[in-house]
Amino acid sequence: MENVNYIYEKEIRNTLRALVLRGFKNDLSFSILFSLTHDCHLLSEVFGSTSEIADAKN
């Protein structure tokens, strides 16, 4: 994503990673965002390694 405010984008990525990798409690809006990220095949944008992507899909 090309974004002038990269800090906002980084915060979204960090929150999505925390949801998946650390069991972070989420609200409905982040569940929807994660579903859209998955459906649009953007998991590699959020999760760097192949093992993290596999965890995210699970």
N, C-alpha and C. Protein backbone atom coordinates (compact mmCIF):
# COMPACT_ATOMS: atom_id res chain seq x y z
N MET A 1 0.84 -1.18 0.00
CA MET A 1 0.00 0.00 0.00
C MET A 1 0.88 1.24 0.00
N GLU A 2 0.60 2.11 -0.91
CA GLU A 2 1.30 3.37 -0.89
C GLU A 2 0.48 4.32 -0.04
N ASN A 3 1.09 4.78 1.03
CA ASN A 3 0.36 5.56 2.01
C ASN A 3 1.28 6.66 2.53
N VAL A 4 0.78 7.87 2.55
CA VAL A 4 1.57 8.99 3.06
C VAL A 4 1.82 8.81 4.55
N ASN A 5 0.84 8.30 5.26
CA ASN A 5 0.95 8.11 6.70
C ASN A 5 1.27 6.64 7.00
N TYR A 6 2.54 6.28 6.87
CA TYR A 6 2.95 4.90 7.04
C TYR A 6 2.75 4.41 8.48
N ILE A 7 2.77 5.30 9.44
CA ILE A 7 2.59 4.91 10.84
C ILE A 7 1.22 4.28 11.05
N TYR A 8 0.20 4.82 10.42
CA TYR A 8 -1.15 4.27 10.53
C TYR A 8 -1.19 2.86 9.93
N GLU A 9 -0.58 2.69 8.77
CA GLU A 9 -0.53 1.37 8.12
C GLU A 9 0.22 0.37 9.00
N LYS A 10 1.33 0.80 9.59
CA LYS A 10 2.12 -0.09 10.44
C LYS A 10 1.31 -0.51 11.67
N GLU A 11 0.53 0.39 12.22
CA GLU A 11 -0.31 0.06 13.38
C GLU A 11 -1.33 -1.01 13.02
N ILE A 12 -1.92 -0.90 11.85
CA ILE A 12 -2.89 -1.91 11.39
C ILE A 12 -2.20 -3.26 11.24
N ARG A 13 -1.03 -3.27 10.61
CA ARG A 13 -0.29 -4.53 10.45
C ARG A 13 0.05 -5.15 11.81
N ASN A 14 0.53 -4.33 12.73
CA ASN A 14 0.90 -4.84 14.05
C ASN A 14 -0.31 -5.40 14.79
N THR A 15 -1.44 -4.74 14.68
CA THR A 15 -2.65 -5.23 15.34
C THR A 15 -3.11 -6.55 14.74
N LEU A 16 -3.08 -6.66 13.41
CA LEU A 16 -3.47 -7.92 12.77
C LEU A 16 -2.51 -9.04 13.15
N ARG A 17 -1.23 -8.74 13.22
CA ARG A 17 -0.25 -9.75 13.64
C ARG A 17 -0.51 -10.18 15.08
N ALA A 18 -0.84 -9.24 15.96
CA ALA A 18 -1.12 -9.56 17.36
C ALA A 18 -2.36 -10.43 17.48
N LEU A 19 -3.35 -10.18 16.64
CA LEU A 19 -4.57 -11.00 16.66
C LEU A 19 -4.24 -12.46 16.39
N VAL A 20 -3.39 -12.69 15.42
CA VAL A 20 -3.10 -14.05 14.97
C VAL A 20 -2.03 -14.73 15.82
N LEU A 21 -0.93 -14.03 16.03
CA LEU A 21 0.24 -14.68 16.61
C LEU A 21 0.26 -14.67 18.13
N ARG A 22 -0.45 -13.74 18.76
CA ARG A 22 -0.40 -13.65 20.21
C ARG A 22 -1.76 -13.79 20.88
N GLY A 23 -2.80 -14.08 20.11
CA GLY A 23 -4.12 -14.27 20.69
C GLY A 23 -4.71 -12.99 21.26
N PHE A 24 -4.32 -11.86 20.73
CA PHE A 24 -4.80 -10.56 21.17
C PHE A 24 -6.32 -10.48 21.05
N LYS A 25 -6.97 -9.94 22.05
CA LYS A 25 -8.43 -9.77 22.01
C LYS A 25 -8.77 -8.72 20.96
N ASN A 26 -9.76 -9.01 20.15
CA ASN A 26 -10.10 -8.09 19.07
C ASN A 26 -11.56 -7.67 19.13
N ASP A 27 -11.84 -6.62 18.39
CA ASP A 27 -13.22 -6.21 18.25
C ASP A 27 -13.70 -6.59 16.85
N LEU A 28 -14.94 -6.38 16.59
CA LEU A 28 -15.55 -6.80 15.34
C LEU A 28 -14.88 -6.15 14.13
N SER A 29 -14.49 -4.89 14.25
CA SER A 29 -13.91 -4.19 13.10
C SER A 29 -12.60 -4.85 12.63
N PHE A 30 -11.77 -5.32 13.56
CA PHE A 30 -10.54 -5.97 13.15
C PHE A 30 -10.80 -7.38 12.63
N SER A 31 -11.84 -8.02 13.09
CA SER A 31 -12.20 -9.32 12.51
C SER A 31 -12.61 -9.15 11.05
N ILE A 32 -13.36 -8.12 10.78
CA ILE A 32 -13.78 -7.83 9.40
C ILE A 32 -12.57 -7.46 8.56
N LEU A 33 -11.69 -6.63 9.10
CA LEU A 33 -10.49 -6.23 8.37
C LEU A 33 -9.61 -7.45 8.05
N PHE A 34 -9.47 -8.34 9.02
CA PHE A 34 -8.66 -9.53 8.78
C PHE A 34 -9.30 -10.41 7.71
N SER A 35 -10.60 -10.55 7.74
CA SER A 35 -11.30 -11.34 6.73
C SER A 35 -11.09 -10.75 5.33
N LEU A 36 -11.18 -9.44 5.23
CA LEU A 36 -10.94 -8.78 3.94
C LEU A 36 -9.50 -8.96 3.48
N THR A 37 -8.56 -8.86 4.43
CA THR A 37 -7.15 -9.06 4.10
C THR A 37 -6.93 -10.46 3.55
N HIS A 38 -7.54 -11.43 4.17
CA HIS A 38 -7.42 -12.82 3.71
C HIS A 38 -8.07 -13.00 2.35
N ASP A 39 -9.30 -12.52 2.19
CA ASP A 39 -10.04 -12.71 0.94
C ASP A 39 -9.38 -12.00 -0.24
N CYS A 40 -8.68 -10.92 0.02
CA CYS A 40 -8.00 -10.17 -1.05
C CYS A 40 -6.56 -10.65 -1.27
N HIS A 41 -6.20 -11.75 -0.61
CA HIS A 41 -4.87 -12.36 -0.76
C HIS A 41 -3.76 -11.37 -0.40
N LEU A 42 -3.94 -10.67 0.72
CA LEU A 42 -2.95 -9.70 1.17
C LEU A 42 -2.22 -10.14 2.43
N LEU A 43 -2.35 -11.41 2.80
CA LEU A 43 -1.69 -11.88 4.02
C LEU A 43 -0.18 -11.70 3.95
N SER A 44 0.40 -11.84 2.77
CA SER A 44 1.85 -11.68 2.65
C SER A 44 2.28 -10.24 2.90
N GLU A 45 1.37 -9.29 2.76
CA GLU A 45 1.66 -7.89 3.06
C GLU A 45 1.77 -7.67 4.57
N VAL A 46 1.05 -8.47 5.34
CA VAL A 46 1.01 -8.30 6.79
C VAL A 46 1.99 -9.23 7.48
N PHE A 47 2.05 -10.48 7.02
CA PHE A 47 2.87 -11.50 7.65
C PHE A 47 4.06 -11.81 6.76
N GLY A 48 5.25 -11.60 7.28
CA GLY A 48 6.46 -11.73 6.47
C GLY A 48 6.84 -13.15 6.11
N SER A 49 6.90 -14.03 7.08
CA SER A 49 7.41 -15.38 6.81
C SER A 49 6.29 -16.33 6.40
N THR A 50 6.69 -17.39 5.75
CA THR A 50 5.73 -18.41 5.30
C THR A 50 5.03 -19.07 6.48
N SER A 51 5.75 -19.30 7.58
CA SER A 51 5.13 -19.94 8.74
C SER A 51 4.09 -19.02 9.38
N GLU A 52 4.34 -17.72 9.40
CA GLU A 52 3.36 -16.78 9.93
C GLU A 52 2.12 -16.75 9.05
N ILE A 53 2.30 -16.81 7.75
CA ILE A 53 1.15 -16.83 6.83
C ILE A 53 0.33 -18.09 7.06
N ALA A 54 0.98 -19.23 7.27
CA ALA A 54 0.26 -20.48 7.55
C ALA A 54 -0.53 -20.36 8.85
N ASP A 55 0.08 -19.76 9.89
CA ASP A 55 -0.63 -19.55 11.14
C ASP A 55 -1.83 -18.64 10.94
N ALA A 56 -1.65 -17.61 10.15
CA ALA A 56 -2.74 -16.66 9.90
C ALA A 56 -3.91 -17.34 9.19
N LYS A 57 -3.60 -18.20 8.23
CA LYS A 57 -4.67 -18.90 7.51
C LYS A 57 -5.42 -19.84 8.43
N ASN A 58 -4.70 -20.46 9.35
CA ASN A 58 -5.35 -21.37 10.32
C ASN A 58 -6.18 -20.58 11.28
